[in-house]
Amino acid sequence: MLDERLSLAAALYEPCEWGADIGTDHAFLPCHLLRMGTCQHMIAADVSEKALARARENLTRQRLIDRAEVVLADGLDAVTLRCGCISVMGMGGELMGRILRKGQERLQDAVLVLGAHTELHLVREAIRDVGYHIVQERLCRAAGRFYVFWRAEEGPADMPTEEVRYGRLLWQEDPTLLREYAAWRRRVLQDRERGLLAATIRDDEAIHEVQADIAWYTTKLEELTC
């Protein structure tokens, strides 16, 4: 059974003949998509041989291995055939951005399902830079923390600076969950601010950036509380 995070990723997936899951780890998501018939075949890829051993074991146990390719590869290098949907999850925004830019030619108009742990604005920048646009931006909570997921499709779209930084479609989610998310983000940023202010070497640019983020989330929290 999938947790809230993987359940949301599965809900965003585009039904297709071939899908690809980059950073698959245990291959829980590919197993679910194959069982449900969302994808007829899956590429399950990771840079870790240990992770792929677990993925292969799970696919074999569920009798799905004949519909999957388990691939040891760096990022989108694993996508060697045209896929209808590609998921990239379980990593920071900086790494995800590099993966998307480096492997841009391998996307071939596939729908993207993306979920980063940190630096969400860097993912939005990368989506824009590879000629895609966000059609869904969804929020969930799993194991005590929040996760943001995107469904992106081919085709450029204007994305103002504030939208890159904080999102737009995200703030159309359930108000109760958004209030909790905004308060959580502000606490995380306040902790970072305290660390920056206590550092031996002062980084004024980083301090200014985090303080601007705190102010934005404070305003958003007030709007959501009204």
C-alpha atoms as a PDB file:
ATOM      1  CA  MET A   1       0.000   0.000   0.000  1.00  0.00           C
ATOM      2  CA  LEU A   2       1.352   3.402  -0.959  1.00  0.00           C
ATOM      3  CA  ASP A   3       1.855   6.187   1.583  1.00  0.00           C
ATOM      4  CA  GLU A   4       0.343   9.646   1.051  1.00  0.00           C
ATOM      5  CA  ARG A   5       3.358  10.853  -0.920  1.00  0.00           C
ATOM      6  CA  LEU A   6       3.448   8.013  -3.441  1.00  0.00           C
ATOM      7  CA  SER A   7      -0.355   7.938  -3.641  1.00  0.00           C
ATOM      8  CA  LEU A   8      -0.321  11.550  -4.784  1.00  0.00           C
ATOM      9  CA  ALA A   9       2.381  10.796  -7.363  1.00  0.00           C
ATOM     10  CA  ALA A  10       0.312   7.890  -8.688  1.00  0.00           C
ATOM     11  CA  ALA A  11      -2.771  10.112  -8.950  1.00  0.00           C
ATOM     12  CA  LEU A  12      -0.836  12.593 -11.094  1.00  0.00           C
ATOM     13  CA  TYR A  13       0.513   9.933 -13.458  1.00  0.00           C
ATOM     14  CA  GLU A  14      -0.520   9.913 -17.108  1.00  0.00           C
ATOM     15  CA  PRO A  15      -1.782   6.522 -18.331  1.00  0.00           C
ATOM     16  CA  CYS A  16       0.610   5.283 -21.004  1.00  0.00           C
ATOM     17  CA  GLU A  17       2.289   2.292 -22.619  1.00  0.00           C
ATOM     18  CA  TRP A  18       5.706   3.069 -21.116  1.00  0.00           C
ATOM     19  CA  GLY A  19       6.416   5.067 -17.982  1.00  0.00           C
ATOM     20  CA  ALA A  20       9.694   5.760 -16.203  1.00  0.00           C
ATOM     21  CA  ASP A  21      10.417   6.282 -12.508  1.00  0.00           C
ATOM     22  CA  ILE A  22      13.773   7.984 -11.865  1.00  0.00           C
ATOM     23  CA  GLY A  23      15.122   7.414  -8.360  1.00  0.00           C
ATOM     24  CA  THR A  24      12.814   4.442  -7.937  1.00  0.00           C
ATOM     25  CA  ASP A  25      14.400   2.969  -4.772  1.00  0.00           C
ATOM     26  CA  HIS A  26      12.105   0.039  -3.841  1.00  0.00           C
ATOM     27  CA  ALA A  27      10.018   0.471  -7.034  1.00  0.00           C
ATOM     28  CA  PHE A  28       6.853   0.841  -4.962  1.00  0.00           C
ATOM     29  CA  LEU A  29       5.441   3.378  -7.430  1.00  0.00           C
ATOM     30  CA  PRO A  30       6.171   1.303 -10.581  1.00  0.00           C
ATOM     31  CA  CYS A  31       4.650  -1.774  -8.949  1.00  0.00           C
ATOM     32  CA  HIS A  32       1.465   0.122  -8.160  1.00  0.00           C
ATOM     33  CA  LEU A  33       1.214   1.687 -11.638  1.00  0.00           C
ATOM     34  CA  LEU A  34       1.693  -1.687 -13.308  1.00  0.00           C
ATOM     35  CA  ARG A  35      -0.829  -3.431 -11.053  1.00  0.00           C
ATOM     36  CA  MET A  36      -3.426  -0.726 -11.654  1.00  0.00           C
ATOM     37  CA  GLY A  37      -2.840  -0.734 -15.401  1.00  0.00           C
ATOM     38  CA  THR A  38      -1.896   2.951 -15.423  1.00  0.00           C
ATOM     39  CA  CYS A  39       1.265   1.957 -17.307  1.00  0.00           C
ATOM     40  CA  GLN A  40       1.671  -1.219 -19.308  1.00  0.00           C
ATOM     41  CA  HIS A  41       5.452  -1.183 -18.898  1.00  0.00           C
ATOM     42  CA  MET A  42       7.812   0.718 -16.603  1.00  0.00           C
ATOM     43  CA  ILE A  43      11.458   1.728 -16.500  1.00  0.00           C
ATOM     44  CA  ALA A  44      12.550   1.596 -12.854  1.00  0.00           C
ATOM     45  CA  ALA A  45      15.854   3.464 -12.579  1.00  0.00           C
ATOM     46  CA  ASP A  46      18.262   4.422  -9.822  1.00  0.00           C
ATOM     47  CA  VAL A  47      21.952   5.225  -9.343  1.00  0.00           C
ATOM     48  CA  SER A  48      22.162   2.772  -6.431  1.00  0.00           C
ATOM     49  CA  GLU A  49      22.753  -0.916  -7.094  1.00  0.00           C
ATOM     50  CA  LYS A  50      21.359  -1.724  -3.639  1.00  0.00           C
ATOM     51  CA  ALA A  51      18.170   0.189  -4.416  1.00  0.00           C
ATOM     52  CA  LEU A  52      17.798  -1.632  -7.723  1.00  0.00           C
ATOM     53  CA  ALA A  53      18.224  -4.982  -6.003  1.00  0.00           C
ATOM     54  CA  ARG A  54      15.248  -4.077  -3.790  1.00  0.00           C
ATOM     55  CA  ALA A  55      13.312  -2.845  -6.822  1.00  0.00           C
ATOM     56  CA  ARG A  56      13.957  -6.056  -8.747  1.00  0.00           C
ATOM     57  CA  GLU A  57      12.948  -8.135  -5.713  1.00  0.00           C
ATOM     58  CA  ASN A  58       9.635  -6.281  -5.332  1.00  0.00           C
ATOM     59  CA  LEU A  59       8.814  -6.456  -9.036  1.00  0.00           C
ATOM     60  CA  THR A  60       9.638 -10.165  -9.097  1.00  0.00           C
ATOM     61  CA  ARG A  61       7.602 -10.951  -5.978  1.00  0.00           C
ATOM     62  CA  GLN A  62       4.565  -9.225  -7.473  1.00  0.00           C
ATOM     63  CA  ARG A  63       5.077 -10.997 -10.810  1.00  0.00           C
ATOM     64  CA  LEU A  64       5.599  -7.730 -12.647  1.00  0.00           C
ATOM     65  CA  ILE A  65       9.239  -8.087 -13.626  1.00  0.00           C
ATOM     66  CA  ASP A  66       8.393  -9.120 -17.193  1.00  0.00           C
ATOM     67  CA  ARG A  67       6.744  -5.715 -17.694  1.00  0.00           C
ATOM     68  CA  ALA A  68       9.623  -3.710 -16.285  1.00  0.00           C
ATOM     69  CA  GLU A  69      13.152  -2.668 -17.152  1.00  0.00           C
ATOM     70  CA  VAL A  70      15.320  -2.212 -14.060  1.00  0.00           C
ATOM     71  CA  VAL A  71      18.092   0.182 -15.039  1.00  0.00           C
ATOM     72  CA  LEU A  72      21.245   1.399 -13.284  1.00  0.00           C
ATOM     73  CA  ALA A  73      21.637   4.911 -14.682  1.00  0.00           C
ATOM     74  CA  ASP A  74      22.200   8.547 -13.779  1.00  0.00           C
ATOM     75  CA  GLY A  75      18.993  10.547 -14.074  1.00  0.00           C
ATOM     76  CA  LEU A  76      17.270  10.607 -17.443  1.00  0.00           C
ATOM     77  CA  ASP A  77      20.047   8.563 -19.038  1.00  0.00           C
ATOM     78  CA  ALA A  78      17.761   5.641 -18.140  1.00  0.00           C
ATOM     79  CA  VAL A  79      15.105   6.785 -20.617  1.00  0.00           C
ATOM     80  CA  THR A  80      16.192   5.024 -23.798  1.00  0.00           C
ATOM     81  CA  LEU A  81      12.730   4.830 -25.394  1.00  0.00           C
ATOM     82  CA  ARG A  82       9.769   7.162 -25.668  1.00  0.00           C
ATOM     83  CA  CYS A  83       7.758   7.341 -22.454  1.00  0.00           C
ATOM     84  CA  GLY A  84       4.325   8.817 -21.937  1.00  0.00           C
ATOM     85  CA  CYS A  85       5.062   9.825 -18.346  1.00  0.00           C
ATOM     86  CA  ILE A  86       8.283  10.251 -16.351  1.00  0.00           C
ATOM     87  CA  SER A  87       8.482  10.668 -12.586  1.00  0.00           C
ATOM     88  CA  VAL A  88      11.485  12.107 -10.753  1.00  0.00           C
ATOM     89  CA  MET A  89      11.234  12.134  -6.968  1.00  0.00           C
ATOM     90  CA  GLY A  90      13.032  11.733  -3.680  1.00  0.00           C
ATOM     91  CA  MET A  91      15.802  14.321  -4.071  1.00  0.00           C
ATOM     92  CA  GLY A  92      16.590  18.000  -3.589  1.00  0.00           C
ATOM     93  CA  GLY A  93      15.513  20.697  -6.005  1.00  0.00           C
ATOM     94  CA  GLU A  94      19.036  21.526  -7.159  1.00  0.00           C
ATOM     95  CA  LEU A  95      19.737  17.932  -8.207  1.00  0.00           C
ATOM     96  CA  MET A  96      16.334  17.590  -9.845  1.00  0.00           C
ATOM     97  CA  GLY A  97      16.914  20.760 -11.822  1.00  0.00           C
ATOM     98  CA  ARG A  98      20.245  19.424 -13.092  1.00  0.00           C
ATOM     99  CA  ILE A  99      18.636  16.122 -14.077  1.00  0.00           C
ATOM    100  CA  LEU A 100      15.882  17.834 -16.068  1.00  0.00           C
ATOM    101  CA  ARG A 101      18.241  20.192 -17.891  1.00  0.00           C
ATOM    102  CA  LYS A 102      20.850  17.550 -18.653  1.00  0.00           C
ATOM    103  CA  GLY A 103      18.267  15.070 -19.918  1.00  0.00           C
ATOM    104  CA  GLN A 104      15.970  17.534 -21.664  1.00  0.00           C
ATOM    105  CA  GLU A 105      16.288  15.818 -25.046  1.00  0.00           C
ATOM    106  CA  ARG A 106      15.109  12.524 -23.528  1.00  0.00           C
ATOM    107  CA  LEU A 107      11.793  13.950 -22.303  1.00  0.00           C
ATOM    108  CA  GLN A 108      10.225  13.822 -25.782  1.00  0.00           C
ATOM    109  CA  ASP A 109       7.007  15.531 -24.650  1.00  0.00           C
ATOM    110  CA  ALA A 110       6.423  13.090 -21.779  1.00  0.00           C
ATOM    111  CA  VAL A 111       4.190  14.257 -18.940  1.00  0.00           C
ATOM    112  CA  LEU A 112       6.361  14.910 -15.867  1.00  0.00           C
ATOM    113  CA  VAL A 113       5.483  14.009 -12.278  1.00  0.00           C
ATOM    114  CA  LEU A 114       7.992  15.656  -9.955  1.00  0.00           C
ATOM    115  CA  GLY A 115       8.454  15.763  -6.195  1.00  0.00           C
ATOM    116  CA  ALA A 116      11.438  17.434  -4.519  1.00  0.00           C
ATOM    117  CA  HIS A 117      12.302  17.559  -0.821  1.00  0.00           C
ATOM    118  CA  THR A 118      13.951  21.003  -0.836  1.00  0.00           C
ATOM    119  CA  GLU A 119      14.547  24.129  -2.944  1.00  0.00           C
ATOM    120  CA  LEU A 120      11.199  23.990  -4.687  1.00  0.00           C
ATOM    121  CA  HIS A 121      11.840  27.180  -6.645  1.00  0.00           C
ATOM    122  CA  LEU A 122      14.754  25.492  -8.410  1.00  0.00           C
ATOM    123  CA  VAL A 123      12.389  22.801  -9.694  1.00  0.00           C
ATOM    124  CA  ARG A 124       9.955  25.408 -11.009  1.00  0.00           C
ATOM    125  CA  GLU A 125      12.834  27.191 -12.737  1.00  0.00           C
ATOM    126  CA  ALA A 126      13.945  23.942 -14.372  1.00  0.00           C
ATOM    127  CA  ILE A 127      10.401  23.113 -15.515  1.00  0.00           C
ATOM    128  CA  ARG A 128      10.271  26.495 -17.243  1.00  0.00           C
ATOM    129  CA  ASP A 129      13.782  26.191 -18.666  1.00  0.00           C
ATOM    130  CA  VAL A 130      13.119  22.837 -20.380  1.00  0.00           C
ATOM    131  CA  GLY A 131      10.043  24.223 -22.115  1.00  0.00           C
ATOM    132  CA  TYR A 132       7.370  22.798 -19.825  1.00  0.00           C
ATOM    133  CA  HIS A 133       4.622  24.369 -17.747  1.00  0.00           C
ATOM    134  CA  ILE A 134       2.934  23.344 -14.499  1.00  0.00           C
ATOM    135  CA  VAL A 135      -0.647  22.118 -14.820  1.00  0.00           C
ATOM    136  CA  GLN A 136      -1.056  20.815 -11.271  1.00  0.00           C
ATOM    137  CA  GLU A 137       0.780  21.686  -8.068  1.00  0.00           C
ATOM    138  CA  ARG A 138      -0.364  19.529  -5.168  1.00  0.00           C
ATOM    139  CA  LEU A 139       0.415  19.291  -1.472  1.00  0.00           C
ATOM    140  CA  CYS A 140       0.403  16.333   0.890  1.00  0.00           C
ATOM    141  CA  ARG A 141       1.696  15.441   4.332  1.00  0.00           C
ATOM    142  CA  ALA A 142       3.458  12.178   5.080  1.00  0.00           C
ATOM    143  CA  ALA A 143       5.501  11.047   8.090  1.00  0.00           C
ATOM    144  CA  GLY A 144       5.234  14.439   9.762  1.00  0.00           C
ATOM    145  CA  ARG A 145       6.423  16.648   6.898  1.00  0.00           C
ATOM    146  CA  PHE A 146       4.947  18.281   3.839  1.00  0.00           C
ATOM    147  CA  TYR A 147       5.646  17.452   0.201  1.00  0.00           C
ATOM    148  CA  VAL A 148       4.860  19.417  -2.947  1.00  0.00           C
ATOM    149  CA  PHE A 149       4.281  17.584  -6.229  1.00  0.00           C
ATOM    150  CA  TRP A 150       3.978  18.899  -9.760  1.00  0.00           C
ATOM    151  CA  ARG A 151       2.442  17.582 -12.929  1.00  0.00           C
ATOM    152  CA  ALA A 152       4.074  19.394 -15.846  1.00  0.00           C
ATOM    153  CA  GLU A 153       3.369  19.161 -19.551  1.00  0.00           C
ATOM    154  CA  GLU A 154       5.260  20.234 -22.656  1.00  0.00           C
ATOM    155  CA  GLY A 155       4.806  23.837 -23.787  1.00  0.00           C
ATOM    156  CA  PRO A 156       6.197  27.100 -22.413  1.00  0.00           C
ATOM    157  CA  ALA A 157       4.220  29.377 -20.119  1.00  0.00           C
ATOM    158  CA  ASP A 158       4.938  32.664 -18.404  1.00  0.00           C
ATOM    159  CA  MET A 159       6.035  32.227 -14.797  1.00  0.00           C
ATOM    160  CA  PRO A 160       6.547  35.460 -12.809  1.00  0.00           C
ATOM    161  CA  THR A 161       9.306  35.623 -10.197  1.00  0.00           C
ATOM    162  CA  GLU A 162       6.914  35.272  -7.257  1.00  0.00           C
ATOM    163  CA  GLU A 163       5.302  32.208  -8.810  1.00  0.00           C
ATOM    164  CA  VAL A 164       8.711  30.599  -9.311  1.00  0.00           C
ATOM    165  CA  ARG A 165       9.587  31.281  -5.695  1.00  0.00           C
ATOM    166  CA  TYR A 166       6.357  30.295  -3.965  1.00  0.00           C
ATOM    167  CA  GLY A 167       4.078  28.603  -6.496  1.00  0.00           C
ATOM    168  CA  ARG A 168       0.618  29.579  -7.729  1.00  0.00           C
ATOM    169  CA  LEU A 169      -1.585  26.528  -8.241  1.00  0.00           C
ATOM    170  CA  LEU A 170      -0.392  25.194  -4.895  1.00  0.00           C
ATOM    171  CA  TRP A 171      -2.394  27.871  -3.075  1.00  0.00           C
ATOM    172  CA  GLN A 172      -5.670  26.575  -4.494  1.00  0.00           C
ATOM    173  CA  GLU A 173      -5.401  23.470  -2.290  1.00  0.00           C
ATOM    174  CA  ASP A 174      -7.418  22.770   0.874  1.00  0.00           C
ATOM    175  CA  PRO A 175      -7.196  25.920   3.091  1.00  0.00           C
ATOM    176  CA  THR A 176      -6.764  23.947   6.303  1.00  0.00           C
ATOM    177  CA  LEU A 177      -3.798  22.016   4.932  1.00  0.00           C
ATOM    178  CA  LEU A 178      -2.369  25.205   3.409  1.00  0.00           C
ATOM    179  CA  ARG A 179      -2.502  26.991   6.759  1.00  0.00           C
ATOM    180  CA  GLU A 180      -0.577  24.159   8.356  1.00  0.00           C
ATOM    181  CA  TYR A 181       1.892  24.149   5.469  1.00  0.00           C
ATOM    182  CA  ALA A 182       2.470  27.914   5.592  1.00  0.00           C
ATOM    183  CA  ALA A 183       3.040  27.773   9.355  1.00  0.00           C
ATOM    184  CA  TRP A 184       5.446  24.834   8.942  1.00  0.00           C
ATOM    185  CA  ARG A 185       7.388  26.600   6.170  1.00  0.00           C
ATOM    186  CA  ARG A 186       7.696  29.701   8.325  1.00  0.00           C
ATOM    187  CA  ARG A 187       9.045  27.684  11.267  1.00  0.00           C
ATOM    188  CA  VAL A 188      11.621  26.003   9.008  1.00  0.00           C
ATOM    189  CA  LEU A 189      12.699  29.385   7.641  1.00  0.00           C
ATOM    190  CA  GLN A 190      12.886  30.947  11.104  1.00  0.00           C
ATOM    191  CA  ASP A 191      15.173  28.130  12.228  1.00  0.00           C
ATOM    192  CA  ARG A 192      17.377  28.787   9.206  1.00  0.00           C
ATOM    193  CA  GLU A 193      17.397  32.521   9.953  1.00  0.00           C
ATOM    194  CA  ARG A 194      18.600  31.880  13.502  1.00  0.00           C
ATOM    195  CA  GLY A 195      21.392  29.697  12.160  1.00  0.00           C
ATOM    196  CA  LEU A 196      22.473  32.314   9.638  1.00  0.00           C
ATOM    197  CA  LEU A 197      22.467  35.084  12.247  1.00  0.00           C
ATOM    198  CA  ALA A 198      24.540  32.956  14.635  1.00  0.00           C
ATOM    199  CA  ALA A 199      27.121  31.991  11.993  1.00  0.00           C
ATOM    200  CA  THR A 200      30.684  33.163  12.424  1.00  0.00           C
ATOM    201  CA  ILE A 201      30.785  34.464   8.864  1.00  0.00           C
ATOM    202  CA  ARG A 202      27.721  36.568   8.088  1.00  0.00           C
ATOM    203  CA  ASP A 203      25.994  35.958   4.751  1.00  0.00           C
ATOM    204  CA  ASP A 204      23.878  39.082   4.318  1.00  0.00           C
ATOM    205  CA  GLU A 205      22.433  37.955   0.985  1.00  0.00           C
ATOM    206  CA  ALA A 206      21.203  34.668   2.421  1.00  0.00           C
ATOM    207  CA  ILE A 207      19.806  36.440   5.500  1.00  0.00           C
ATOM    208  CA  HIS A 208      17.897  38.904   3.339  1.00  0.00           C
ATOM    209  CA  GLU A 209      16.521  36.074   1.215  1.00  0.00           C
ATOM    210  CA  VAL A 210      15.281  34.017   4.141  1.00  0.00           C
ATOM    211  CA  GLN A 211      13.763  37.065   5.835  1.00  0.00           C
ATOM    212  CA  ALA A 212      11.867  37.915   2.644  1.00  0.00           C
ATOM    213  CA  ASP A 213      10.553  34.335   2.562  1.00  0.00           C
ATOM    214  CA  ILE A 214       9.473  34.550   6.209  1.00  0.00           C
ATOM    215  CA  ALA A 215       7.603  37.773   5.479  1.00  0.00           C
ATOM    216  CA  TRP A 216       5.858  36.202   2.462  1.00  0.00           C
ATOM    217  CA  TYR A 217       4.700  33.139   4.387  1.00  0.00           C
ATOM    218  CA  THR A 218       3.596  35.315   7.313  1.00  0.00           C
ATOM    219  CA  THR A 219       1.391  37.344   4.970  1.00  0.00           C
ATOM    220  CA  LYS A 220       0.040  34.198   3.325  1.00  0.00           C
ATOM    221  CA  LEU A 221      -0.720  32.654   6.716  1.00  0.00           C
ATOM    222  CA  GLU A 222      -2.650  35.779   7.728  1.00  0.00           C
ATOM    223  CA  GLU A 223      -4.649  35.618   4.475  1.00  0.00           C
ATOM    224  CA  LEU A 224      -5.486  31.958   5.040  1.00  0.00           C
ATOM    225  CA  THR A 225      -6.510  32.585   8.649  1.00  0.00           C
ATOM    226  CA  CYS A 226      -9.009  35.326   7.801  1.00  0.00           C
END
